[in-house]
Amino acid sequence: MSAPGRGEFVLGGQAVIEGVMMKGTGTYAVAVRKQSGEIRVRDFPLPQSGAGKRLARMPVLRGVVTMVAMLSIGYRALRFSADEAIDDAEPRETGRDRAAGAKGEGRDGSLAMAGAMALALLLGLGLFFWLPLVLTRLSAAFLPALSGRLAFNIVDGVIRVLVFVLYVLGIGMMGEIRRIFQYHGAEHKAVHAYERKAELVPESVARYSCLHPRCGTSFLLFVMVISIAVFSLIPHESSLLAKALMRLVLLPAVAGISYEVLRLSAKHGDSGFSRALVAPGLLLQRLTTREPDLSQIEVAIASLRRVARGAGSEERLVG
């Protein structure tokens, strides 16, 4: 998610394991609540690329660049929060033991996290793009009226949205995921408070909404809806495998167009058209956010303050 902040500062965020990541202009910060009650905050520099900066100014392409960048940042933020969670769960080692094993464990941990992310990406593509295609093809075999290009792609898109909603409902029943959804709500509340120049204290931030029009959940919904139009460009007579492969090729275009729609809704946020455009995404966010407690809001504020203050290295706050 990204949102205009004070002055030139642009704020974005993501919920992680027992914490929140906030992204600024030159750095992003991750704040995690330790079992001891302290909040550990660390910032990281954003990748700098001349080619990336040029592409980030070009319509549609900037959406693809942003998506790739956020996947990279999100991976590192999740890795940091997971390391902190593992550190809490494991028995304390001596400094010498920790130093001896850190290099190997760090490499193994990175490979494990990268493997898990790759597997999750493959499962996501299969669940949200391959499965709806197969189900729609089966439906068209029984209902010839669905065989036309327009009807086929509309049904495919509806099934894709339903699968996504059922998936979110399912994982939302898991205790750990519910806590991540609470941190997601805390992140949104902190962004709202920052945008409105409110006092950044938990009691004040708690008054704001868990829903935000520029959330990544809304972006995903745009992706699923816009894919109906983009995927309709694929020749209807193509085989199932050919359609699936061409969808992968067209996915960056879908992401780029979806990003432009998200920017448009942000630019004209007070118009009736914009409110209608973001309404479905806000409705979906009711599934991906939960009302946080004050301690979770405090973590979101710590991350926001860290990235808003500028570069540094690391700090620990007692909660």
C-alpha atoms as a PDB file:
ATOM      1  CA  MET A   1       0.000   0.000   0.000  1.00  0.00           C
ATOM      2  CA  SER A   2       1.182   3.542  -0.652  1.00  0.00           C
ATOM      3  CA  ALA A   3      -0.246   6.829   0.398  1.00  0.00           C
ATOM      4  CA  PRO A   4       0.715  10.505   0.317  1.00  0.00           C
ATOM      5  CA  GLY A   5       2.330  11.664   3.504  1.00  0.00           C
ATOM      6  CA  ARG A   6       3.396  14.998   4.879  1.00  0.00           C
ATOM      7  CA  GLY A   7       5.356  17.059   2.440  1.00  0.00           C
ATOM      8  CA  GLU A   8       7.186  14.880  -0.070  1.00  0.00           C
ATOM      9  CA  PHE A   9       7.240  11.824   2.163  1.00  0.00           C
ATOM     10  CA  VAL A  10       5.417   8.859   0.628  1.00  0.00           C
ATOM     11  CA  LEU A  11       4.355   6.102   2.974  1.00  0.00           C
ATOM     12  CA  GLY A  12       3.616   2.445   2.287  1.00  0.00           C
ATOM     13  CA  GLY A  13       3.335  -0.564   4.540  1.00  0.00           C
ATOM     14  CA  GLN A  14       2.813  -4.250   5.140  1.00  0.00           C
ATOM     15  CA  ALA A  15       1.978  -6.446   8.108  1.00  0.00           C
ATOM     16  CA  VAL A  16       4.596  -9.060   9.036  1.00  0.00           C
ATOM     17  CA  ILE A  17       4.961 -11.648  11.801  1.00  0.00           C
ATOM     18  CA  GLU A  18       4.194  -9.798  15.046  1.00  0.00           C
ATOM     19  CA  GLY A  19       5.018  -6.501  13.424  1.00  0.00           C
ATOM     20  CA  VAL A  20       4.701  -3.905  10.676  1.00  0.00           C
ATOM     21  CA  MET A  21       6.894  -2.754   7.824  1.00  0.00           C
ATOM     22  CA  MET A  22       6.693   0.873   6.671  1.00  0.00           C
ATOM     23  CA  LYS A  23       8.301   2.062   3.422  1.00  0.00           C
ATOM     24  CA  GLY A  24       9.518   5.592   2.862  1.00  0.00           C
ATOM     25  CA  THR A  25      11.492   7.290   0.101  1.00  0.00           C
ATOM     26  CA  GLY A  26      15.023   6.048   0.787  1.00  0.00           C
ATOM     27  CA  THR A  27      14.497   3.419   3.467  1.00  0.00           C
ATOM     28  CA  TYR A  28      11.940   1.037   4.876  1.00  0.00           C
ATOM     29  CA  ALA A  29      11.650   0.047   8.524  1.00  0.00           C
ATOM     30  CA  VAL A  30      10.399  -3.100  10.228  1.00  0.00           C
ATOM     31  CA  ALA A  31       9.166  -3.055  13.839  1.00  0.00           C
ATOM     32  CA  VAL A  32       8.569  -6.363  15.643  1.00  0.00           C
ATOM     33  CA  ARG A  33       7.163  -7.033  19.113  1.00  0.00           C
ATOM     34  CA  LYS A  34       9.407  -9.453  21.014  1.00  0.00           C
ATOM     35  CA  GLN A  35       8.040 -11.900  23.587  1.00  0.00           C
ATOM     36  CA  SER A  36       9.810  -9.857  26.251  1.00  0.00           C
ATOM     37  CA  GLY A  37       7.561  -6.908  25.359  1.00  0.00           C
ATOM     38  CA  GLU A  38      10.253  -4.774  23.726  1.00  0.00           C
ATOM     39  CA  ILE A  39       9.807  -3.494  20.185  1.00  0.00           C
ATOM     40  CA  ARG A  40      12.763  -4.114  17.937  1.00  0.00           C
ATOM     41  CA  VAL A  41      13.015  -1.686  15.020  1.00  0.00           C
ATOM     42  CA  ARG A  42      15.415  -1.930  12.105  1.00  0.00           C
ATOM     43  CA  ASP A  43      15.611  -0.016   8.861  1.00  0.00           C
ATOM     44  CA  PHE A  44      16.952  -1.077   5.480  1.00  0.00           C
ATOM     45  CA  PRO A  45      17.990   0.975   2.435  1.00  0.00           C
ATOM     46  CA  LEU A  46      15.720   0.802  -0.577  1.00  0.00           C
ATOM     47  CA  PRO A  47      17.342  -0.646  -3.726  1.00  0.00           C
ATOM     48  CA  GLN A  48      18.679   2.094  -5.975  1.00  0.00           C
ATOM     49  CA  SER A  49      18.641   1.528  -9.740  1.00  0.00           C
ATOM     50  CA  GLY A  50      18.930   4.099 -12.501  1.00  0.00           C
ATOM     51  CA  ALA A  51      17.010   1.922 -14.962  1.00  0.00           C
ATOM     52  CA  GLY A  52      14.380   1.178 -12.331  1.00  0.00           C
ATOM     53  CA  LYS A  53      13.915   4.888 -11.637  1.00  0.00           C
ATOM     54  CA  ARG A  54      13.397   5.619 -15.331  1.00  0.00           C
ATOM     55  CA  LEU A  55      10.862   2.800 -15.677  1.00  0.00           C
ATOM     56  CA  ALA A  56       9.121   3.970 -12.495  1.00  0.00           C
ATOM     57  CA  ARG A  57       8.154   7.183 -14.321  1.00  0.00           C
ATOM     58  CA  MET A  58       6.528   5.390 -17.267  1.00  0.00           C
ATOM     59  CA  PRO A  59       2.798   4.584 -17.072  1.00  0.00           C
ATOM     60  CA  VAL A  60       1.923   0.878 -16.768  1.00  0.00           C
ATOM     61  CA  LEU A  61       5.609  -0.113 -16.543  1.00  0.00           C
ATOM     62  CA  ARG A  62       5.906   1.679 -13.201  1.00  0.00           C
ATOM     63  CA  GLY A  63       3.246  -0.652 -11.820  1.00  0.00           C
ATOM     64  CA  VAL A  64       5.362  -3.682 -12.721  1.00  0.00           C
ATOM     65  CA  VAL A  65       8.469  -2.074 -11.200  1.00  0.00           C
ATOM     66  CA  THR A  66       6.560  -1.237  -8.022  1.00  0.00           C
ATOM     67  CA  MET A  67       5.165  -4.763  -7.734  1.00  0.00           C
ATOM     68  CA  VAL A  68       8.604  -6.356  -8.104  1.00  0.00           C
ATOM     69  CA  ALA A  69      10.130  -3.900  -5.630  1.00  0.00           C
ATOM     70  CA  MET A  70       7.407  -4.548  -3.050  1.00  0.00           C
ATOM     71  CA  LEU A  71       7.835  -8.313  -3.401  1.00  0.00           C
ATOM     72  CA  SER A  72      11.560  -7.903  -2.732  1.00  0.00           C
ATOM     73  CA  ILE A  73      11.032  -5.554   0.213  1.00  0.00           C
ATOM     74  CA  GLY A  74       8.232  -7.718   1.591  1.00  0.00           C
ATOM     75  CA  TYR A  75      10.446 -10.806   1.451  1.00  0.00           C
ATOM     76  CA  ARG A  76      13.211  -9.123   3.443  1.00  0.00           C
ATOM     77  CA  ALA A  77      10.750  -7.692   5.978  1.00  0.00           C
ATOM     78  CA  LEU A  78       9.172 -11.117   6.486  1.00  0.00           C
ATOM     79  CA  ARG A  79      12.628 -12.670   6.844  1.00  0.00           C
ATOM     80  CA  PHE A  80      13.539 -10.188   9.561  1.00  0.00           C
ATOM     81  CA  SER A  81      10.292 -10.767  11.467  1.00  0.00           C
ATOM     82  CA  ALA A  82      10.630 -14.550  11.108  1.00  0.00           C
ATOM     83  CA  ASP A  83      14.204 -14.410  12.436  1.00  0.00           C
ATOM     84  CA  GLU A  84      12.977 -12.472  15.443  1.00  0.00           C
ATOM     85  CA  ALA A  85      10.223 -15.031  16.056  1.00  0.00           C
ATOM     86  CA  ILE A  86      12.712 -17.923  15.822  1.00  0.00           C
ATOM     87  CA  ASP A  87      15.103 -16.071  18.128  1.00  0.00           C
ATOM     88  CA  ASP A  88      12.300 -15.847  20.718  1.00  0.00           C
ATOM     89  CA  ALA A  89      11.446 -19.536  20.391  1.00  0.00           C
ATOM     90  CA  GLU A  90      14.973 -20.948  20.627  1.00  0.00           C
ATOM     91  CA  PRO A  91      17.011 -21.294  23.836  1.00  0.00           C
ATOM     92  CA  ARG A  92      19.571 -18.563  24.332  1.00  0.00           C
ATOM     93  CA  GLU A  93      23.081 -19.393  23.137  1.00  0.00           C
ATOM     94  CA  THR A  94      26.385 -18.004  24.244  1.00  0.00           C
ATOM     95  CA  GLY A  95      27.879 -15.245  22.122  1.00  0.00           C
ATOM     96  CA  ARG A  96      30.585 -17.607  20.844  1.00  0.00           C
ATOM     97  CA  ASP A  97      28.074 -20.306  19.845  1.00  0.00           C
ATOM     98  CA  ARG A  98      25.885 -17.754  18.105  1.00  0.00           C
ATOM     99  CA  ALA A  99      28.805 -16.245  16.187  1.00  0.00           C
ATOM    100  CA  ALA A 100      30.016 -19.690  15.094  1.00  0.00           C
ATOM    101  CA  GLY A 101      26.640 -20.740  13.718  1.00  0.00           C
ATOM    102  CA  ALA A 102      25.313 -17.431  12.426  1.00  0.00           C
ATOM    103  CA  LYS A 103      26.833 -17.637   8.957  1.00  0.00           C
ATOM    104  CA  GLY A 104      25.545 -21.116   8.148  1.00  0.00           C
ATOM    105  CA  GLU A 105      22.168 -20.551   9.762  1.00  0.00           C
ATOM    106  CA  GLY A 106      21.730 -17.271   7.930  1.00  0.00           C
ATOM    107  CA  ARG A 107      22.409 -18.951   4.589  1.00  0.00           C
ATOM    108  CA  ASP A 108      20.098 -21.865   5.364  1.00  0.00           C
ATOM    109  CA  GLY A 109      17.409 -19.506   6.619  1.00  0.00           C
ATOM    110  CA  SER A 110      17.595 -17.398   3.466  1.00  0.00           C
ATOM    111  CA  LEU A 111      17.315 -20.462   1.244  1.00  0.00           C
ATOM    112  CA  ALA A 112      14.389 -21.803   3.270  1.00  0.00           C
ATOM    113  CA  MET A 113      12.545 -18.474   3.163  1.00  0.00           C
ATOM    114  CA  ALA A 114      13.223 -18.058  -0.570  1.00  0.00           C
ATOM    115  CA  GLY A 115      11.959 -21.588  -1.195  1.00  0.00           C
ATOM    116  CA  ALA A 116       8.814 -20.940   0.839  1.00  0.00           C
ATOM    117  CA  MET A 117       8.156 -17.686  -1.041  1.00  0.00           C
ATOM    118  CA  ALA A 118       8.665 -19.386  -4.421  1.00  0.00           C
ATOM    119  CA  LEU A 119       6.314 -22.203  -3.418  1.00  0.00           C
ATOM    120  CA  ALA A 120       3.706 -19.702  -2.202  1.00  0.00           C
ATOM    121  CA  LEU A 121       3.963 -17.813  -5.505  1.00  0.00           C
ATOM    122  CA  LEU A 122       3.486 -20.995  -7.526  1.00  0.00           C
ATOM    123  CA  LEU A 123       0.530 -22.053  -5.373  1.00  0.00           C
ATOM    124  CA  GLY A 124      -0.983 -18.582  -5.741  1.00  0.00           C
ATOM    125  CA  LEU A 125      -0.702 -18.685  -9.538  1.00  0.00           C
ATOM    126  CA  GLY A 126      -2.218 -22.156  -9.580  1.00  0.00           C
ATOM    127  CA  LEU A 127      -5.029 -21.307  -7.179  1.00  0.00           C
ATOM    128  CA  PHE A 128      -6.053 -17.941  -8.624  1.00  0.00           C
ATOM    129  CA  PHE A 129      -5.258 -18.356 -12.328  1.00  0.00           C
ATOM    130  CA  TRP A 130      -5.053 -22.043 -13.256  1.00  0.00           C
ATOM    131  CA  LEU A 131      -7.914 -23.392 -11.102  1.00  0.00           C
ATOM    132  CA  PRO A 132     -10.526 -20.816 -12.304  1.00  0.00           C
ATOM    133  CA  LEU A 133      -9.518 -21.559 -15.894  1.00  0.00           C
ATOM    134  CA  VAL A 134     -10.034 -25.298 -15.396  1.00  0.00           C
ATOM    135  CA  LEU A 135     -13.341 -24.815 -13.561  1.00  0.00           C
ATOM    136  CA  THR A 136     -14.627 -22.467 -16.269  1.00  0.00           C
ATOM    137  CA  ARG A 137     -13.639 -24.925 -19.007  1.00  0.00           C
ATOM    138  CA  LEU A 138     -15.544 -27.685 -17.157  1.00  0.00           C
ATOM    139  CA  SER A 139     -18.559 -25.395 -16.729  1.00  0.00           C
ATOM    140  CA  ALA A 140     -18.551 -24.533 -20.443  1.00  0.00           C
ATOM    141  CA  ALA A 141     -18.579 -28.256 -21.282  1.00  0.00           C
ATOM    142  CA  PHE A 142     -21.906 -28.618 -19.446  1.00  0.00           C
ATOM    143  CA  LEU A 143     -23.327 -25.187 -20.337  1.00  0.00           C
ATOM    144  CA  PRO A 144     -22.613 -24.328 -24.011  1.00  0.00           C
ATOM    145  CA  ALA A 145     -23.782 -20.736 -23.384  1.00  0.00           C
ATOM    146  CA  LEU A 146     -20.516 -20.181 -21.475  1.00  0.00           C
ATOM    147  CA  SER A 147     -18.393 -21.150 -24.475  1.00  0.00           C
ATOM    148  CA  GLY A 148     -18.367 -17.661 -25.998  1.00  0.00           C
ATOM    149  CA  ARG A 149     -15.291 -15.520 -25.385  1.00  0.00           C
ATOM    150  CA  LEU A 150     -17.051 -12.828 -23.343  1.00  0.00           C
ATOM    151  CA  ALA A 151     -19.122 -15.210 -21.214  1.00  0.00           C
ATOM    152  CA  PHE A 152     -16.133 -17.511 -20.666  1.00  0.00           C
ATOM    153  CA  ASN A 153     -13.886 -14.698 -19.387  1.00  0.00           C
ATOM    154  CA  ILE A 154     -16.581 -13.176 -17.172  1.00  0.00           C
ATOM    155  CA  VAL A 155     -17.310 -16.529 -15.497  1.00  0.00           C
ATOM    156  CA  ASP A 156     -13.571 -17.160 -15.175  1.00  0.00           C
ATOM    157  CA  GLY A 157     -13.133 -13.779 -13.474  1.00  0.00           C
ATOM    158  CA  VAL A 158     -16.070 -14.323 -11.111  1.00  0.00           C
ATOM    159  CA  ILE A 159     -14.686 -17.715 -10.095  1.00  0.00           C
ATOM    160  CA  ARG A 160     -11.264 -16.132  -9.535  1.00  0.00           C
ATOM    161  CA  VAL A 161     -12.709 -13.546  -7.157  1.00  0.00           C
ATOM    162  CA  LEU A 162     -14.750 -16.178  -5.311  1.00  0.00           C
ATOM    163  CA  VAL A 163     -11.682 -18.406  -4.894  1.00  0.00           C
ATOM    164  CA  PHE A 164      -9.750 -15.457  -3.494  1.00  0.00           C
ATOM    165  CA  VAL A 165     -12.521 -14.541  -1.038  1.00  0.00           C
ATOM    166  CA  LEU A 166     -12.868 -18.160   0.137  1.00  0.00           C
ATOM    167  CA  TYR A 167      -9.085 -18.389   0.518  1.00  0.00           C
ATOM    168  CA  VAL A 168      -8.948 -15.247   2.671  1.00  0.00           C
ATOM    169  CA  LEU A 169     -11.889 -16.455   4.763  1.00  0.00           C
ATOM    170  CA  GLY A 170     -10.170 -19.801   5.265  1.00  0.00           C
ATOM    171  CA  ILE A 171      -6.766 -18.508   6.347  1.00  0.00           C
ATOM    172  CA  GLY A 172      -8.466 -15.847   8.494  1.00  0.00           C
ATOM    173  CA  MET A 173      -9.607 -18.627  10.822  1.00  0.00           C
ATOM    174  CA  MET A 174      -5.989 -19.404  11.754  1.00  0.00           C
ATOM    175  CA  GLY A 175      -4.824 -17.718  14.953  1.00  0.00           C
ATOM    176  CA  GLU A 176      -1.461 -16.543  13.597  1.00  0.00           C
ATOM    177  CA  ILE A 177      -3.058 -15.129  10.449  1.00  0.00           C
ATOM    178  CA  ARG A 178      -5.656 -13.286  12.526  1.00  0.00           C
ATOM    179  CA  ARG A 179      -2.812 -11.558  14.374  1.00  0.00           C
ATOM    180  CA  ILE A 180      -1.218 -10.564  11.062  1.00  0.00           C
ATOM    181  CA  PHE A 181      -4.594  -9.171   9.989  1.00  0.00           C
ATOM    182  CA  GLN A 182      -4.655  -7.164  13.251  1.00  0.00           C
ATOM    183  CA  TYR A 183      -1.222  -5.727  12.448  1.00  0.00           C
ATOM    184  CA  HIS A 184      -2.577  -4.966   8.962  1.00  0.00           C
ATOM    185  CA  GLY A 185      -5.321  -2.924  10.609  1.00  0.00           C
ATOM    186  CA  ALA A 186      -2.760  -1.220  12.860  1.00  0.00           C
ATOM    187  CA  GLU A 187      -0.701  -0.277   9.811  1.00  0.00           C
ATOM    188  CA  HIS A 188      -3.721   1.353   8.150  1.00  0.00           C
ATOM    189  CA  LYS A 189      -4.661   3.261  11.294  1.00  0.00           C
ATOM    190  CA  ALA A 190      -1.116   4.614  11.616  1.00  0.00           C
ATOM    191  CA  VAL A 191      -1.066   5.736   7.964  1.00  0.00           C
ATOM    192  CA  HIS A 192      -4.432   7.471   8.363  1.00  0.00           C
ATOM    193  CA  ALA A 193      -3.201   9.274  11.489  1.00  0.00           C
ATOM    194  CA  TYR A 194       0.032  10.325   9.784  1.00  0.00           C
ATOM    195  CA  GLU A 195      -1.793  11.672   6.730  1.00  0.00           C
ATOM    196  CA  ARG A 196      -4.076  13.726   8.946  1.00  0.00           C
ATOM    197  CA  LYS A 197      -1.176  15.030  11.044  1.00  0.00           C
ATOM    198  CA  ALA A 198      -2.687  13.525  14.178  1.00  0.00           C
ATOM    199  CA  GLU A 199      -0.701  12.818  17.319  1.00  0.00           C
ATOM    200  CA  LEU A 200       1.121   9.527  16.871  1.00  0.00           C
ATOM    201  CA  VAL A 201       0.181   7.859  20.147  1.00  0.00           C
ATOM    202  CA  PRO A 202      -1.782   4.576  20.337  1.00  0.00           C
ATOM    203  CA  GLU A 203      -4.903   6.075  21.906  1.00  0.00           C
ATOM    204  CA  SER A 204      -5.153   8.727  19.182  1.00  0.00           C
ATOM    205  CA  VAL A 205      -4.275   6.413  16.275  1.00  0.00           C
ATOM    206  CA  ALA A 206      -6.813   3.822  17.466  1.00  0.00           C
ATOM    207  CA  ARG A 207      -9.676   6.160  16.494  1.00  0.00           C
ATOM    208  CA  TYR A 208      -8.926   5.812  12.777  1.00  0.00           C
ATOM    209  CA  SER A 209     -10.261   3.215  10.354  1.00  0.00           C
ATOM    210  CA  CYS A 210      -8.688  -0.175   9.652  1.00  0.00           C
ATOM    211  CA  LEU A 211      -9.557   0.325   5.971  1.00  0.00           C
ATOM    212  CA  HIS A 212      -7.450   2.301   3.495  1.00  0.00           C
ATOM    213  CA  PRO A 213      -8.294   2.942  -0.185  1.00  0.00           C
ATOM    214  CA  ARG A 214      -4.730   2.349  -1.387  1.00  0.00           C
ATOM    215  CA  CYS A 215      -4.236  -0.987   0.318  1.00  0.00           C
ATOM    216  CA  GLY A 216      -2.581  -3.902  -1.455  1.00  0.00           C
ATOM    217  CA  THR A 217      -5.821  -5.858  -1.001  1.00  0.00           C
ATOM    218  CA  SER A 218      -7.585  -3.336  -3.243  1.00  0.00           C
ATOM    219  CA  PHE A 219      -4.755  -3.691  -5.749  1.00  0.00           C
ATOM    220  CA  LEU A 220      -5.250  -7.474  -5.828  1.00  0.00           C
ATOM    221  CA  LEU A 221      -8.956  -7.000  -6.454  1.00  0.00           C
ATOM    222  CA  PHE A 222      -8.183  -4.639  -9.346  1.00  0.00           C
ATOM    223  CA  VAL A 223      -5.817  -7.290 -10.724  1.00  0.00           C
ATOM    224  CA  MET A 224      -8.519  -9.951 -10.670  1.00  0.00           C
ATOM    225  CA  VAL A 225     -11.148  -7.716 -12.267  1.00  0.00           C
ATOM    226  CA  ILE A 226      -8.885  -6.138 -14.914  1.00  0.00           C
ATOM    227  CA  SER A 227      -7.533  -9.574 -15.830  1.00  0.00           C
ATOM    228  CA  ILE A 228     -11.005 -10.372 -17.225  1.00  0.00           C
ATOM    229  CA  ALA A 229     -10.526  -7.770 -19.964  1.00  0.00           C
ATOM    230  CA  VAL A 230      -6.822  -8.435 -20.587  1.00  0.00           C
ATOM    231  CA  PHE A 231      -7.157 -12.224 -20.699  1.00  0.00           C
ATOM    232  CA  SER A 232      -9.981 -11.877 -23.221  1.00  0.00           C
ATOM    233  CA  LEU A 233      -7.263 -10.908 -25.736  1.00  0.00           C
ATOM    234  CA  ILE A 234      -6.042 -14.511 -25.684  1.00  0.00           C
ATOM    235  CA  PRO A 235      -7.397 -16.425 -28.706  1.00  0.00           C
ATOM    236  CA  HIS A 236     -10.452 -18.322 -27.493  1.00  0.00           C
ATOM    237  CA  GLU A 237      -9.597 -21.453 -29.476  1.00  0.00           C
ATOM    238  CA  SER A 238      -6.240 -21.848 -27.671  1.00  0.00           C
ATOM    239  CA  SER A 239      -5.629 -24.996 -25.650  1.00  0.00           C
ATOM    240  CA  LEU A 240      -5.901 -24.956 -21.863  1.00  0.00           C
ATOM    241  CA  LEU A 241      -2.114 -25.063 -21.467  1.00  0.00           C
ATOM    242  CA  ALA A 242      -1.584 -22.310 -24.063  1.00  0.00           C
ATOM    243  CA  LYS A 243      -4.114 -20.090 -22.288  1.00  0.00           C
ATOM    244  CA  ALA A 244      -2.401 -20.654 -18.950  1.00  0.00           C
ATOM    245  CA  LEU A 245       1.030 -19.775 -20.367  1.00  0.00           C
ATOM    246  CA  MET A 246      -0.270 -16.672 -22.157  1.00  0.00           C
ATOM    247  CA  ARG A 247      -1.897 -15.546 -18.910  1.00  0.00           C
ATOM    248  CA  LEU A 248       1.500 -15.666 -17.229  1.00  0.00           C
ATOM    249  CA  VAL A 249       2.936 -13.533 -20.056  1.00  0.00           C
ATOM    250  CA  LEU A 250       0.103 -11.008 -19.710  1.00  0.00           C
ATOM    251  CA  LEU A 251       0.228 -10.847 -15.913  1.00  0.00           C
ATOM    252  CA  PRO A 252       2.735  -7.918 -15.840  1.00  0.00           C
ATOM    253  CA  ALA A 253       0.390  -5.936 -18.094  1.00  0.00           C
ATOM    254  CA  VAL A 254      -2.513  -6.688 -15.745  1.00  0.00           C
ATOM    255  CA  ALA A 255      -0.434  -5.537 -12.763  1.00  0.00           C
ATOM    256  CA  GLY A 256       0.652  -2.362 -14.558  1.00  0.00           C
ATOM    257  CA  ILE A 257      -2.888  -1.384 -15.550  1.00  0.00           C
ATOM    258  CA  SER A 258      -4.179  -2.202 -12.060  1.00  0.00           C
ATOM    259  CA  TYR A 259      -1.549   0.100 -10.559  1.00  0.00           C
ATOM    260  CA  GLU A 260      -2.644   2.930 -12.828  1.00  0.00           C
ATOM    261  CA  VAL A 261      -6.270   2.439 -11.740  1.00  0.00           C
ATOM    262  CA  LEU A 262      -5.130   2.525  -8.115  1.00  0.00           C
ATOM    263  CA  ARG A 263      -3.231   5.772  -8.747  1.00  0.00           C
ATOM    264  CA  LEU A 264      -6.277   7.235 -10.474  1.00  0.00           C
ATOM    265  CA  SER A 265      -8.498   6.413  -7.504  1.00  0.00           C
ATOM    266  CA  ALA A 266      -5.944   8.022  -5.181  1.00  0.00           C
ATOM    267  CA  LYS A 267      -5.655  11.169  -7.313  1.00  0.00           C
ATOM    268  CA  HIS A 268      -9.409  11.743  -7.362  1.00  0.00           C
ATOM    269  CA  GLY A 269     -10.149  10.335  -3.931  1.00  0.00           C
ATOM    270  CA  ASP A 270     -12.995  12.764  -3.164  1.00  0.00           C
ATOM    271  CA  SER A 271     -14.978  12.176  -6.335  1.00  0.00           C
ATOM    272  CA  GLY A 272     -18.021   9.926  -6.501  1.00  0.00           C
ATOM    273  CA  PHE A 273     -16.406   7.901  -9.291  1.00  0.00           C
ATOM    274  CA  SER A 274     -13.312   7.260  -7.191  1.00  0.00           C
ATOM    275  CA  ARG A 275     -15.342   6.275  -4.146  1.00  0.00           C
ATOM    276  CA  ALA A 276     -17.293   3.801  -6.285  1.00  0.00           C
ATOM    277  CA  LEU A 277     -14.030   2.470  -7.695  1.00  0.00           C
ATOM    278  CA  VAL A 278     -12.468   1.737  -4.311  1.00  0.00           C
ATOM    279  CA  ALA A 279     -15.650   0.562  -2.550  1.00  0.00           C
ATOM    280  CA  PRO A 280     -15.235  -3.147  -3.470  1.00  0.00           C
ATOM    281  CA  GLY A 281     -11.626  -3.075  -2.260  1.00  0.00           C
ATOM    282  CA  LEU A 282     -12.645  -1.510   1.038  1.00  0.00           C
ATOM    283  CA  LEU A 283     -15.282  -4.195   1.428  1.00  0.00           C
ATOM    284  CA  LEU A 284     -12.679  -6.894   0.804  1.00  0.00           C
ATOM    285  CA  GLN A 285     -10.371  -5.291   3.371  1.00  0.00           C
ATOM    286  CA  ARG A 286     -12.926  -6.181   6.036  1.00  0.00           C
ATOM    287  CA  LEU A 287     -11.658  -9.726   5.534  1.00  0.00           C
ATOM    288  CA  THR A 288      -7.921  -8.910   5.554  1.00  0.00           C
ATOM    289  CA  THR A 289      -7.886  -6.520   8.535  1.00  0.00           C
ATOM    290  CA  ARG A 290      -8.912  -6.931  12.163  1.00  0.00           C
ATOM    291  CA  GLU A 291      -9.243  -4.356  14.922  1.00  0.00           C
ATOM    292  CA  PRO A 292      -5.805  -4.179  16.622  1.00  0.00           C
ATOM    293  CA  ASP A 293      -5.104  -3.621  20.306  1.00  0.00           C
ATOM    294  CA  LEU A 294      -3.052  -0.678  21.561  1.00  0.00           C
ATOM    295  CA  SER A 295       0.153  -2.720  21.801  1.00  0.00           C
ATOM    296  CA  GLN A 296      -0.089  -3.633  18.102  1.00  0.00           C
ATOM    297  CA  ILE A 297      -0.793  -0.018  17.158  1.00  0.00           C
ATOM    298  CA  GLU A 298       2.304   0.941  19.147  1.00  0.00           C
ATOM    299  CA  VAL A 299       4.391  -1.350  16.920  1.00  0.00           C
ATOM    300  CA  ALA A 300       2.980   0.262  13.761  1.00  0.00           C
ATOM    301  CA  ILE A 301       3.780   3.711  15.155  1.00  0.00           C
ATOM    302  CA  ALA A 302       7.347   2.641  15.988  1.00  0.00           C
ATOM    303  CA  SER A 303       7.893   1.502  12.397  1.00  0.00           C
ATOM    304  CA  LEU A 304       6.336   4.675  11.001  1.00  0.00           C
ATOM    305  CA  ARG A 305       8.423   6.942  13.237  1.00  0.00           C
ATOM    306  CA  ARG A 306      11.598   5.090  12.316  1.00  0.00           C
ATOM    307  CA  VAL A 307      11.153   5.383   8.560  1.00  0.00           C
ATOM    308  CA  ALA A 308       9.849   8.953   8.766  1.00  0.00           C
ATOM    309  CA  ARG A 309      12.876  10.011  10.820  1.00  0.00           C
ATOM    310  CA  GLY A 310      15.337   8.788   8.213  1.00  0.00           C
ATOM    311  CA  ALA A 311      18.201   6.361   8.018  1.00  0.00           C
ATOM    312  CA  GLY A 312      19.844   4.764  10.994  1.00  0.00           C
ATOM    313  CA  SER A 313      20.464   1.187  11.939  1.00  0.00           C
ATOM    314  CA  GLU A 314      18.505  -0.362  14.733  1.00  0.00           C
ATOM    315  CA  GLU A 315      16.864   0.408  18.045  1.00  0.00           C
ATOM    316  CA  ARG A 316      14.977  -1.311  20.822  1.00  0.00           C
ATOM    317  CA  LEU A 317      11.958   0.185  22.552  1.00  0.00           C
ATOM    318  CA  VAL A 318      10.451  -1.184  25.722  1.00  0.00           C
ATOM    319  CA  GLY A 319       6.681  -1.617  25.362  1.00  0.00           C
END
